[in-house]
Amino acid sequence: MSQAASYLVRTDSGDVIVSVKAGAGGLDDDLIQLQAAPTDAAAGFDMVTPLRAFGAKMVDIIELAGTAGFGGSATLREMLVKEKATQELKRIELFARSARVE
């Protein structure tokens, strides 16, 4: 993605601010950064997205950021994008759990 973007994602363990790094590729490990959301964070966002609904948005984020560095087939690329999105959703949920414990 050429511009940074942030989303407020609601999990069962608490809210997480997901920031998309500008200039990162869709398959890069550092595509998103996570931080615990303060209790009044919802006021600074247009919407709060439940984690389960954020999956489709995560696929869009990955595709918008681009997968130019991947040289495999289109089918393999599609599978990799979906797997990356699933992995990031798990990461968001684990982050929310660990932030709640601290």
PDB file of N, CA and C in Angstrom:
ATOM      1  N   MET A   1       0.846  -1.180   0.000  1.00  0.00           N
ATOM      2  CA  MET A   1       0.000   0.000   0.000  1.00  0.00           C
ATOM      3  C   MET A   1       0.888   1.239   0.000  1.00  0.00           C
ATOM      4  N   SER A   2       0.477   2.219  -0.735  1.00  0.00           N
ATOM      5  CA  SER A   2       1.278   3.430  -0.811  1.00  0.00           C
ATOM      6  C   SER A   2       1.044   4.350   0.378  1.00  0.00           C
ATOM      7  N   GLN A   3      -0.092   4.204   1.054  1.00  0.00           N
ATOM      8  CA  GLN A   3      -0.398   5.032   2.217  1.00  0.00           C
ATOM      9  C   GLN A   3      -0.605   4.150   3.441  1.00  0.00           C
ATOM     10  N   ALA A   4      -0.226   4.676   4.592  1.00  0.00           N
ATOM     11  CA  ALA A   4      -0.469   3.963   5.843  1.00  0.00           C
ATOM     12  C   ALA A   4      -1.963   4.041   6.154  1.00  0.00           C
ATOM     13  N   ALA A   5      -2.476   3.005   6.770  1.00  0.00           N
ATOM     14  CA  ALA A   5      -3.876   2.974   7.172  1.00  0.00           C
ATOM     15  C   ALA A   5      -3.975   2.278   8.518  1.00  0.00           C
ATOM     16  N   SER A   6      -4.993   2.632   9.280  1.00  0.00           N
ATOM     17  CA  SER A   6      -5.200   2.002  10.581  1.00  0.00           C
ATOM     18  C   SER A   6      -6.644   1.566  10.716  1.00  0.00           C
ATOM     19  N   TYR A   7      -6.829   0.459  11.419  1.00  0.00           N
ATOM     20  CA  TYR A   7      -8.154  -0.109  11.639  1.00  0.00           C
ATOM     21  C   TYR A   7      -8.276  -0.488  13.106  1.00  0.00           C
ATOM     22  N   LEU A   8      -9.478  -0.355  13.643  1.00  0.00           N
ATOM     23  CA  LEU A   8      -9.745  -0.791  15.003  1.00  0.00           C
ATOM     24  C   LEU A   8     -10.484  -2.124  14.917  1.00  0.00           C
ATOM     25  N   VAL A   9      -9.856  -3.170  15.442  1.00  0.00           N
ATOM     26  CA  VAL A   9     -10.404  -4.523  15.346  1.00  0.00           C
ATOM     27  C   VAL A   9     -10.808  -4.987  16.741  1.00  0.00           C
ATOM     28  N   ARG A  10     -12.049  -5.458  16.863  1.00  0.00           N
ATOM     29  CA  ARG A  10     -12.573  -5.938  18.145  1.00  0.00           C
ATOM     30  C   ARG A  10     -12.428  -7.459  18.215  1.00  0.00           C
ATOM     31  N   THR A  11     -11.759  -7.915  19.262  1.00  0.00           N
ATOM     32  CA  THR A  11     -11.623  -9.351  19.511  1.00  0.00           C
ATOM     33  C   THR A  11     -12.355  -9.675  20.810  1.00  0.00           C
ATOM     34  N   ASP A  12     -12.470 -10.951  21.124  1.00  0.00           N
ATOM     35  CA  ASP A  12     -13.090 -11.359  22.386  1.00  0.00           C
ATOM     36  C   ASP A  12     -12.259 -10.910  23.582  1.00  0.00           C
ATOM     37  N   SER A  13     -10.982 -10.675  23.360  1.00  0.00           N
ATOM     38  CA  SER A  13     -10.078 -10.303  24.450  1.00  0.00           C
ATOM     39  C   SER A  13      -9.855  -8.798  24.571  1.00  0.00           C
ATOM     40  N   GLY A  14     -10.319  -8.032  23.614  1.00  0.00           N
ATOM     41  CA  GLY A  14     -10.135  -6.586  23.641  1.00  0.00           C
ATOM     42  C   GLY A  14      -9.889  -6.031  22.255  1.00  0.00           C
ATOM     43  N   ASP A  15      -9.860  -4.715  22.168  1.00  0.00           N
ATOM     44  CA  ASP A  15      -9.666  -4.042  20.882  1.00  0.00           C
ATOM     45  C   ASP A  15      -8.181  -3.893  20.560  1.00  0.00           C
ATOM     46  N   VAL A  16      -7.871  -3.987  19.266  1.00  0.00           N
ATOM     47  CA  VAL A  16      -6.496  -3.875  18.778  1.00  0.00           C
ATOM     48  C   VAL A  16      -6.475  -2.885  17.620  1.00  0.00           C
ATOM     49  N   ILE A  17      -5.497  -1.994  17.635  1.00  0.00           N
ATOM     50  CA  ILE A  17      -5.295  -1.102  16.502  1.00  0.00           C
ATOM     51  C   ILE A  17      -4.321  -1.787  15.548  1.00  0.00           C
ATOM     52  N   VAL A  18      -4.784  -1.992  14.319  1.00  0.00           N
ATOM     53  CA  VAL A  18      -3.978  -2.630  13.280  1.00  0.00           C
ATOM     54  C   VAL A  18      -3.538  -1.541  12.315  1.00  0.00           C
ATOM     55  N   SER A  19      -2.241  -1.296  12.239  1.00  0.00           N
ATOM     56  CA  SER A  19      -1.693  -0.268  11.349  1.00  0.00           C
ATOM     57  C   SER A  19      -0.971  -0.952  10.196  1.00  0.00           C
ATOM     58  N   VAL A  20      -1.324  -0.542   8.983  1.00  0.00           N
ATOM     59  CA  VAL A  20      -0.704  -1.089   7.778  1.00  0.00           C
ATOM     60  C   VAL A  20       0.472  -0.192   7.417  1.00  0.00           C
ATOM     61  N   LYS A  21       1.631  -0.795   7.264  1.00  0.00           N
ATOM     62  CA  LYS A  21       2.861  -0.057   6.964  1.00  0.00           C
ATOM     63  C   LYS A  21       2.864   0.370   5.494  1.00  0.00           C
ATOM     64  N   ALA A  22       3.021   1.655   5.272  1.00  0.00           N
ATOM     65  CA  ALA A  22       3.089   2.176   3.907  1.00  0.00           C
ATOM     66  C   ALA A  22       4.351   1.650   3.231  1.00  0.00           C
ATOM     67  N   GLY A  23       4.215   1.239   2.006  1.00  0.00           N
ATOM     68  CA  GLY A  23       5.358   0.778   1.232  1.00  0.00           C
ATOM     69  C   GLY A  23       5.707  -0.685   1.420  1.00  0.00           C
ATOM     70  N   ALA A  24       5.070  -1.353   2.371  1.00  0.00           N
ATOM     71  CA  ALA A  24       5.346  -2.779   2.589  1.00  0.00           C
ATOM     72  C   ALA A  24       4.608  -3.603   1.541  1.00  0.00           C
ATOM     73  N   GLY A  25       5.203  -4.712   1.157  1.00  0.00           N
ATOM     74  CA  GLY A  25       4.553  -5.634   0.232  1.00  0.00           C
ATOM     75  C   GLY A  25       3.530  -6.485   0.961  1.00  0.00           C
ATOM     76  N   GLY A  26       2.564  -6.985   0.243  1.00  0.00           N
ATOM     77  CA  GLY A  26       1.488  -7.760   0.844  1.00  0.00           C
ATOM     78  C   GLY A  26       1.944  -9.007   1.573  1.00  0.00           C
ATOM     79  N   LEU A  27       3.040  -9.599   1.135  1.00  0.00           N
ATOM     80  CA  LEU A  27       3.514 -10.832   1.754  1.00  0.00           C
ATOM     81  C   LEU A  27       4.664 -10.588   2.735  1.00  0.00           C
ATOM     82  N   ASP A  28       4.993  -9.315   2.975  1.00  0.00           N
ATOM     83  CA  ASP A  28       6.069  -8.986   3.909  1.00  0.00           C
ATOM     84  C   ASP A  28       5.645  -9.302   5.348  1.00  0.00           C
ATOM     85  N   ASP A  29       6.606  -9.718   6.157  1.00  0.00           N
ATOM     86  CA  ASP A  29       6.319 -10.025   7.563  1.00  0.00           C
ATOM     87  C   ASP A  29       5.899  -8.797   8.348  1.00  0.00           C
ATOM     88  N   ASP A  30       6.379  -7.627   7.951  1.00  0.00           N
ATOM     89  CA  ASP A  30       6.071  -6.408   8.697  1.00  0.00           C
ATOM     90  C   ASP A  30       4.966  -5.573   8.043  1.00  0.00           C
ATOM     91  N   LEU A  31       4.057  -6.219   7.331  1.00  0.00           N
ATOM     92  CA  LEU A  31       2.953  -5.510   6.683  1.00  0.00           C
ATOM     93  C   LEU A  31       2.089  -4.777   7.699  1.00  0.00           C
ATOM     94  N   ILE A  32       1.796  -5.420   8.824  1.00  0.00           N
ATOM     95  CA  ILE A  32       0.962  -4.770   9.833  1.00  0.00           C
ATOM     96  C   ILE A  32       1.694  -4.683  11.168  1.00  0.00           C
ATOM     97  N   GLN A  33       1.357  -3.639  11.911  1.00  0.00           N
ATOM     98  CA  GLN A  33       1.851  -3.436  13.264  1.00  0.00           C
ATOM     99  C   GLN A  33       0.634  -3.428  14.184  1.00  0.00           C
ATOM    100  N   LEU A  34       0.788  -3.983  15.377  1.00  0.00           N
ATOM    101  CA  LEU A  34      -0.328  -4.097  16.307  1.00  0.00           C
ATOM    102  C   LEU A  34      -0.052  -3.315  17.578  1.00  0.00           C
ATOM    103  N   GLN A  35      -1.103  -2.724  18.119  1.00  0.00           N
ATOM    104  CA  GLN A  35      -0.983  -2.094  19.426  1.00  0.00           C
ATOM    105  C   GLN A  35      -2.332  -2.194  20.138  1.00  0.00           C
ATOM    106  N   ALA A  36      -2.266  -2.312  21.455  1.00  0.00           N
ATOM    107  CA  ALA A  36      -3.484  -2.380  22.254  1.00  0.00           C
ATOM    108  C   ALA A  36      -4.211  -1.039  22.142  1.00  0.00           C
ATOM    109  N   ALA A  37      -5.514  -1.108  21.999  1.00  0.00           N
ATOM    110  CA  ALA A  37      -6.310   0.108  21.862  1.00  0.00           C
ATOM    111  C   ALA A  37      -6.721   0.618  23.241  1.00  0.00           C
ATOM    112  N   PRO A  38      -6.584   1.917  23.472  1.00  0.00           N
ATOM    113  CA  PRO A  38      -7.104   2.464  24.728  1.00  0.00           C
ATOM    114  C   PRO A  38      -8.630   2.369  24.744  1.00  0.00           C
ATOM    115  N   THR A  39      -9.216   2.520  25.887  1.00  0.00           N
ATOM    116  CA  THR A  39     -10.671   2.332  26.012  1.00  0.00           C
ATOM    117  C   THR A  39     -11.475   3.310  25.160  1.00  0.00           C
ATOM    118  N   ASP A  40     -10.946   4.491  24.889  1.00  0.00           N
ATOM    119  CA  ASP A  40     -11.678   5.490  24.102  1.00  0.00           C
ATOM    120  C   ASP A  40     -11.258   5.513  22.625  1.00  0.00           C
ATOM    121  N   ALA A  41     -10.613   4.472  22.160  1.00  0.00           N
ATOM    122  CA  ALA A  41     -10.080   4.444  20.792  1.00  0.00           C
ATOM    123  C   ALA A  41     -11.165   4.500  19.728  1.00  0.00           C
ATOM    124  N   ALA A  42     -12.344   3.976  20.008  1.00  0.00           N
ATOM    125  CA  ALA A  42     -13.409   3.930  19.002  1.00  0.00           C
ATOM    126  C   ALA A  42     -13.785   5.321  18.499  1.00  0.00           C
ATOM    127  N   ALA A  43     -13.590   6.337  19.310  1.00  0.00           N
ATOM    128  CA  ALA A  43     -13.931   7.702  18.908  1.00  0.00           C
ATOM    129  C   ALA A  43     -13.055   8.192  17.754  1.00  0.00           C
ATOM    130  N   GLY A  44     -11.873   7.642  17.609  1.00  0.00           N
ATOM    131  CA  GLY A  44     -10.960   8.075  16.562  1.00  0.00           C
ATOM    132  C   GLY A  44     -11.065   7.297  15.260  1.00  0.00           C
ATOM    133  N   PHE A  45     -12.014   6.376  15.171  1.00  0.00           N
ATOM    134  CA  PHE A  45     -12.170   5.549  13.974  1.00  0.00           C
ATOM    135  C   PHE A  45     -13.595   5.652  13.446  1.00  0.00           C
ATOM    136  N   ASP A  46     -13.755   5.493  12.144  1.00  0.00           N
ATOM    137  CA  ASP A  46     -15.092   5.514  11.544  1.00  0.00           C
ATOM    138  C   ASP A  46     -15.912   4.311  11.967  1.00  0.00           C
ATOM    139  N   MET A  47     -15.234   3.184  12.162  1.00  0.00           N
ATOM    140  CA  MET A  47     -15.943   1.957  12.532  1.00  0.00           C
ATOM    141  C   MET A  47     -15.032   1.028  13.313  1.00  0.00           C
ATOM    142  N   VAL A  48     -15.667   0.145  14.075  1.00  0.00           N
ATOM    143  CA  VAL A  48     -14.961  -0.918  14.782  1.00  0.00           C
ATOM    144  C   VAL A  48     -15.322  -2.207  14.066  1.00  0.00           C
ATOM    145  N   THR A  49     -14.313  -2.940  13.637  1.00  0.00           N
ATOM    146  CA  THR A  49     -14.546  -4.160  12.860  1.00  0.00           C
ATOM    147  C   THR A  49     -14.304  -5.389  13.727  1.00  0.00           C
ATOM    148  N   PRO A  50     -15.296  -6.283  13.820  1.00  0.00           N
ATOM    149  CA  PRO A  50     -15.058  -7.534  14.550  1.00  0.00           C
ATOM    150  C   PRO A  50     -13.982  -8.360  13.846  1.00  0.00           C
ATOM    151  N   LEU A  51     -13.213  -9.102  14.624  1.00  0.00           N
ATOM    152  CA  LEU A  51     -12.112  -9.897  14.072  1.00  0.00           C
ATOM    153  C   LEU A  51     -12.583 -10.826  12.961  1.00  0.00           C
ATOM    154  N   ARG A  52     -13.717 -11.476  13.160  1.00  0.00           N
ATOM    155  CA  ARG A  52     -14.204 -12.431  12.151  1.00  0.00           C
ATOM    156  C   ARG A  52     -14.505 -11.750  10.819  1.00  0.00           C
ATOM    157  N   ALA A  53     -14.942 -10.503  10.870  1.00  0.00           N
ATOM    158  CA  ALA A  53     -15.244  -9.758   9.639  1.00  0.00           C
ATOM    159  C   ALA A  53     -13.984  -9.146   9.030  1.00  0.00           C
ATOM    160  N   PHE A  54     -12.914  -9.043   9.804  1.00  0.00           N
ATOM    161  CA  PHE A  54     -11.689  -8.412   9.321  1.00  0.00           C
ATOM    162  C   PHE A  54     -10.923  -9.311   8.351  1.00  0.00           C
ATOM    163  N   GLY A  55     -11.261 -10.578   8.288  1.00  0.00           N
ATOM    164  CA  GLY A  55     -10.580 -11.513   7.389  1.00  0.00           C
ATOM    165  C   GLY A  55     -10.632 -11.076   5.938  1.00  0.00           C
ATOM    166  N   ALA A  56     -11.819 -10.679   5.474  1.00  0.00           N
ATOM    167  CA  ALA A  56     -11.962 -10.230   4.087  1.00  0.00           C
ATOM    168  C   ALA A  56     -11.170  -8.951   3.854  1.00  0.00           C
ATOM    169  N   LYS A  57     -11.169  -8.058   4.841  1.00  0.00           N
ATOM    170  CA  LYS A  57     -10.401  -6.820   4.720  1.00  0.00           C
ATOM    171  C   LYS A  57      -8.911  -7.118   4.673  1.00  0.00           C
ATOM    172  N   MET A  58      -8.474  -8.113   5.445  1.00  0.00           N
ATOM    173  CA  MET A  58      -7.054  -8.471   5.455  1.00  0.00           C
ATOM    174  C   MET A  58      -6.622  -8.970   4.077  1.00  0.00           C
ATOM    175  N   VAL A  59      -7.460  -9.733   3.404  1.00  0.00           N
ATOM    176  CA  VAL A  59      -7.148 -10.184   2.035  1.00  0.00           C
ATOM    177  C   VAL A  59      -7.024  -8.970   1.124  1.00  0.00           C
ATOM    178  N   ASP A  60      -7.946  -8.004   1.256  1.00  0.00           N
ATOM    179  CA  ASP A  60      -7.882  -6.780   0.444  1.00  0.00           C
ATOM    180  C   ASP A  60      -6.595  -6.007   0.716  1.00  0.00           C
ATOM    181  N   ILE A  61      -6.221  -5.897   1.999  1.00  0.00           N
ATOM    182  CA  ILE A  61      -4.999  -5.173   2.377  1.00  0.00           C
ATOM    183  C   ILE A  61      -3.778  -5.819   1.718  1.00  0.00           C
ATOM    184  N   ILE A  62      -3.708  -7.140   1.781  1.00  0.00           N
ATOM    185  CA  ILE A  62      -2.579  -7.865   1.189  1.00  0.00           C
ATOM    186  C   ILE A  62      -2.525  -7.639  -0.315  1.00  0.00           C
ATOM    187  N   GLU A  63      -3.673  -7.737  -0.965  1.00  0.00           N
ATOM    188  CA  GLU A  63      -3.705  -7.563  -2.420  1.00  0.00           C
ATOM    189  C   GLU A  63      -3.391  -6.125  -2.826  1.00  0.00           C
ATOM    190  N   LEU A  64      -3.874  -5.145  -2.061  1.00  0.00           N
ATOM    191  CA  LEU A  64      -3.570  -3.745  -2.372  1.00  0.00           C
ATOM    192  C   LEU A  64      -2.086  -3.435  -2.164  1.00  0.00           C
ATOM    193  N   ALA A  65      -1.494  -4.057  -1.151  1.00  0.00           N
ATOM    194  CA  ALA A  65      -0.064  -3.851  -0.905  1.00  0.00           C
ATOM    195  C   ALA A  65       0.777  -4.487  -2.001  1.00  0.00           C
ATOM    196  N   GLY A  66       0.228  -5.500  -2.642  1.00  0.00           N
ATOM    197  CA  GLY A  66       0.908  -6.113  -3.781  1.00  0.00           C
ATOM    198  C   GLY A  66       1.683  -7.368  -3.428  1.00  0.00           C
ATOM    199  N   THR A  67       1.790  -8.220  -4.418  1.00  0.00           N
ATOM    200  CA  THR A  67       2.529  -9.473  -4.273  1.00  0.00           C
ATOM    201  C   THR A  67       3.535  -9.606  -5.410  1.00  0.00           C
ATOM    202  N   ALA A  68       4.089  -8.490  -5.825  1.00  0.00           N
ATOM    203  CA  ALA A  68       4.994  -8.461  -6.977  1.00  0.00           C
ATOM    204  C   ALA A  68       6.226  -9.340  -6.790  1.00  0.00           C
ATOM    205  N   GLY A  69       6.666  -9.522  -5.567  1.00  0.00           N
ATOM    206  CA  GLY A  69       7.858 -10.320  -5.316  1.00  0.00           C
ATOM    207  C   GLY A  69       7.634 -11.812  -5.427  1.00  0.00           C
ATOM    208  N   PHE A  70       6.375 -12.236  -5.583  1.00  0.00           N
ATOM    209  CA  PHE A  70       6.074 -13.661  -5.674  1.00  0.00           C
ATOM    210  C   PHE A  70       6.079 -14.097  -7.131  1.00  0.00           C
ATOM    211  N   GLY A  71       6.846 -15.130  -7.427  1.00  0.00           N
ATOM    212  CA  GLY A  71       6.996 -15.558  -8.814  1.00  0.00           C
ATOM    213  C   GLY A  71       6.253 -16.818  -9.184  1.00  0.00           C
ATOM    214  N   GLY A  72       5.387 -17.316  -8.317  1.00  0.00           N
ATOM    215  CA  GLY A  72       4.676 -18.562  -8.598  1.00  0.00           C
ATOM    216  C   GLY A  72       3.423 -18.343  -9.423  1.00  0.00           C
ATOM    217  N   SER A  73       2.659 -19.412  -9.573  1.00  0.00           N
ATOM    218  CA  SER A  73       1.430 -19.363 -10.363  1.00  0.00           C
ATOM    219  C   SER A  73       0.354 -18.539  -9.660  1.00  0.00           C
ATOM    220  N   ALA A  74      -0.662 -18.144 -10.415  1.00  0.00           N
ATOM    221  CA  ALA A  74      -1.774 -17.356  -9.862  1.00  0.00           C
ATOM    222  C   ALA A  74      -2.520 -18.135  -8.792  1.00  0.00           C
ATOM    223  N   THR A  75      -2.685 -19.435  -8.987  1.00  0.00           N
ATOM    224  CA  THR A  75      -3.382 -20.269  -8.008  1.00  0.00           C
ATOM    225  C   THR A  75      -2.602 -20.348  -6.708  1.00  0.00           C
ATOM    226  N   LEU A  76      -1.309 -20.531  -6.817  1.00  0.00           N
ATOM    227  CA  LEU A  76      -0.460 -20.583  -5.627  1.00  0.00           C
ATOM    228  C   LEU A  76      -0.432 -19.233  -4.918  1.00  0.00           C
ATOM    229  N   ARG A  77      -0.415 -18.165  -5.682  1.00  0.00           N
ATOM    230  CA  ARG A  77      -0.447 -16.817  -5.105  1.00  0.00           C
ATOM    231  C   ARG A  77      -1.734 -16.598  -4.316  1.00  0.00           C
ATOM    232  N   GLU A  78      -2.856 -17.008  -4.892  1.00  0.00           N
ATOM    233  CA  GLU A  78      -4.151 -16.867  -4.215  1.00  0.00           C
ATOM    234  C   GLU A  78      -4.176 -17.651  -2.900  1.00  0.00           C
ATOM    235  N   MET A  79      -3.646 -18.861  -2.919  1.00  0.00           N
ATOM    236  CA  MET A  79      -3.584 -19.673  -1.694  1.00  0.00           C
ATOM    237  C   MET A  79      -2.688 -19.010  -0.652  1.00  0.00           C
ATOM    238  N   LEU A  80      -1.579 -18.455  -1.098  1.00  0.00           N
ATOM    239  CA  LEU A  80      -0.639 -17.800  -0.195  1.00  0.00           C
ATOM    240  C   LEU A  80      -1.255 -16.549   0.434  1.00  0.00           C
ATOM    241  N   VAL A  81      -2.007 -15.776  -0.331  1.00  0.00           N
ATOM    242  CA  VAL A  81      -2.677 -14.583   0.191  1.00  0.00           C
ATOM    243  C   VAL A  81      -3.685 -14.971   1.266  1.00  0.00           C
ATOM    244  N   LYS A  82      -4.469 -16.011   1.007  1.00  0.00           N
ATOM    245  CA  LYS A  82      -5.464 -16.459   1.994  1.00  0.00           C
ATOM    246  C   LYS A  82      -4.790 -16.984   3.259  1.00  0.00           C
ATOM    247  N   GLU A  83      -3.702 -17.700   3.110  1.00  0.00           N
ATOM    248  CA  GLU A  83      -2.971 -18.219   4.265  1.00  0.00           C
ATOM    249  C   GLU A  83      -2.361 -17.082   5.071  1.00  0.00           C
ATOM    250  N   LYS A  84      -1.822 -16.080   4.382  1.00  0.00           N
ATOM    251  CA  LYS A  84      -1.242 -14.911   5.061  1.00  0.00           C
ATOM    252  C   LYS A  84      -2.330 -14.181   5.853  1.00  0.00           C
ATOM    253  N   ALA A  85      -3.507 -14.019   5.261  1.00  0.00           N
ATOM    254  CA  ALA A  85      -4.614 -13.350   5.952  1.00  0.00           C
ATOM    255  C   ALA A  85      -5.013 -14.125   7.210  1.00  0.00           C
ATOM    256  N   THR A  86      -5.107 -15.438   7.102  1.00  0.00           N
ATOM    257  CA  THR A  86      -5.445 -16.281   8.251  1.00  0.00           C
ATOM    258  C   THR A  86      -4.388 -16.161   9.336  1.00  0.00           C
ATOM    259  N   GLN A  87      -3.139 -16.173   8.944  1.00  0.00           N
ATOM    260  CA  GLN A  87      -2.029 -16.045   9.890  1.00  0.00           C
ATOM    261  C   GLN A  87      -2.082 -14.700  10.617  1.00  0.00           C
ATOM    262  N   GLU A  88      -2.383 -13.639   9.902  1.00  0.00           N
ATOM    263  CA  GLU A  88      -2.456 -12.314  10.524  1.00  0.00           C
ATOM    264  C   GLU A  88      -3.638 -12.212  11.481  1.00  0.00           C
ATOM    265  N   LEU A  89      -4.760 -12.842  11.161  1.00  0.00           N
ATOM    266  CA  LEU A  89      -5.907 -12.843  12.076  1.00  0.00           C
ATOM    267  C   LEU A  89      -5.556 -13.564  13.383  1.00  0.00           C
ATOM    268  N   LYS A  90      -4.859 -14.676  13.266  1.00  0.00           N
ATOM    269  CA  LYS A  90      -4.420 -15.394  14.465  1.00  0.00           C
ATOM    270  C   LYS A  90      -3.463 -14.536  15.273  1.00  0.00           C
ATOM    271  N   ARG A  91      -2.592 -13.836  14.590  1.00  0.00           N
ATOM    272  CA  ARG A  91      -1.635 -12.959  15.267  1.00  0.00           C
ATOM    273  C   ARG A  91      -2.355 -11.835  16.024  1.00  0.00           C
ATOM    274  N   ILE A  92      -3.383 -11.259  15.409  1.00  0.00           N
ATOM    275  CA  ILE A  92      -4.162 -10.204  16.063  1.00  0.00           C
ATOM    276  C   ILE A  92      -4.832 -10.750  17.326  1.00  0.00           C
ATOM    277  N   GLU A  93      -5.421 -11.927  17.212  1.00  0.00           N
ATOM    278  CA  GLU A  93      -6.106 -12.525  18.365  1.00  0.00           C
ATOM    279  C   GLU A  93      -5.124 -12.845  19.490  1.00  0.00           C
ATOM    280  N   LEU A  94      -3.978 -13.415  19.153  1.00  0.00           N
ATOM    281  CA  LEU A  94      -2.969 -13.721  20.177  1.00  0.00           C
ATOM    282  C   LEU A  94      -2.433 -12.443  20.822  1.00  0.00           C
ATOM    283  N   PHE A  95      -2.264 -11.393  20.034  1.00  0.00           N
ATOM    284  CA  PHE A  95      -1.803 -10.131  20.577  1.00  0.00           C
ATOM    285  C   PHE A  95      -2.816  -9.576  21.570  1.00  0.00           C
ATOM    286  N   ALA A  96      -4.097  -9.639  21.213  1.00  0.00           N
ATOM    287  CA  ALA A  96      -5.145  -9.138  22.106  1.00  0.00           C
ATOM    288  C   ALA A  96      -5.156  -9.901  23.419  1.00  0.00           C
ATOM    289  N   ARG A  97      -4.988 -11.207  23.353  1.00  0.00           N
ATOM    290  CA  ARG A  97      -4.940 -12.025  24.578  1.00  0.00           C
ATOM    291  C   ARG A  97      -3.752 -11.636  25.444  1.00  0.00           C
ATOM    292  N   SER A  98      -2.579 -11.500  24.824  1.00  0.00           N
ATOM    293  CA  SER A  98      -1.382 -11.184  25.613  1.00  0.00           C
ATOM    294  C   SER A  98      -1.458  -9.763  26.169  1.00  0.00           C
ATOM    295  N   ALA A  99      -2.060  -8.828  25.450  1.00  0.00           N
ATOM    296  CA  ALA A  99      -2.195  -7.453  25.936  1.00  0.00           C
ATOM    297  C   ALA A  99      -3.148  -7.396  27.122  1.00  0.00           C
ATOM    298  N   ARG A 100      -4.143  -8.247  27.121  1.00  0.00           N
ATOM    299  CA  ARG A 100      -5.115  -8.284  28.221  1.00  0.00           C
ATOM    300  C   ARG A 100      -4.469  -8.835  29.490  1.00  0.00           C
ATOM    301  N   VAL A 101      -3.564  -9.786  29.347  1.00  0.00           N
ATOM    302  CA  VAL A 101      -2.904 -10.420  30.498  1.00  0.00           C
ATOM    303  C   VAL A 101      -1.941  -9.447  31.164  1.00  0.00           C
ATOM    304  N   GLU A 102      -1.266  -8.615  30.376  1.00  0.00           N
ATOM    305  CA  GLU A 102      -0.228  -7.721  30.917  1.00  0.00           C
ATOM    306  C   GLU A 102      -0.768  -6.675  31.808  1.00  0.00           C
TER     307      GLU A 102
END
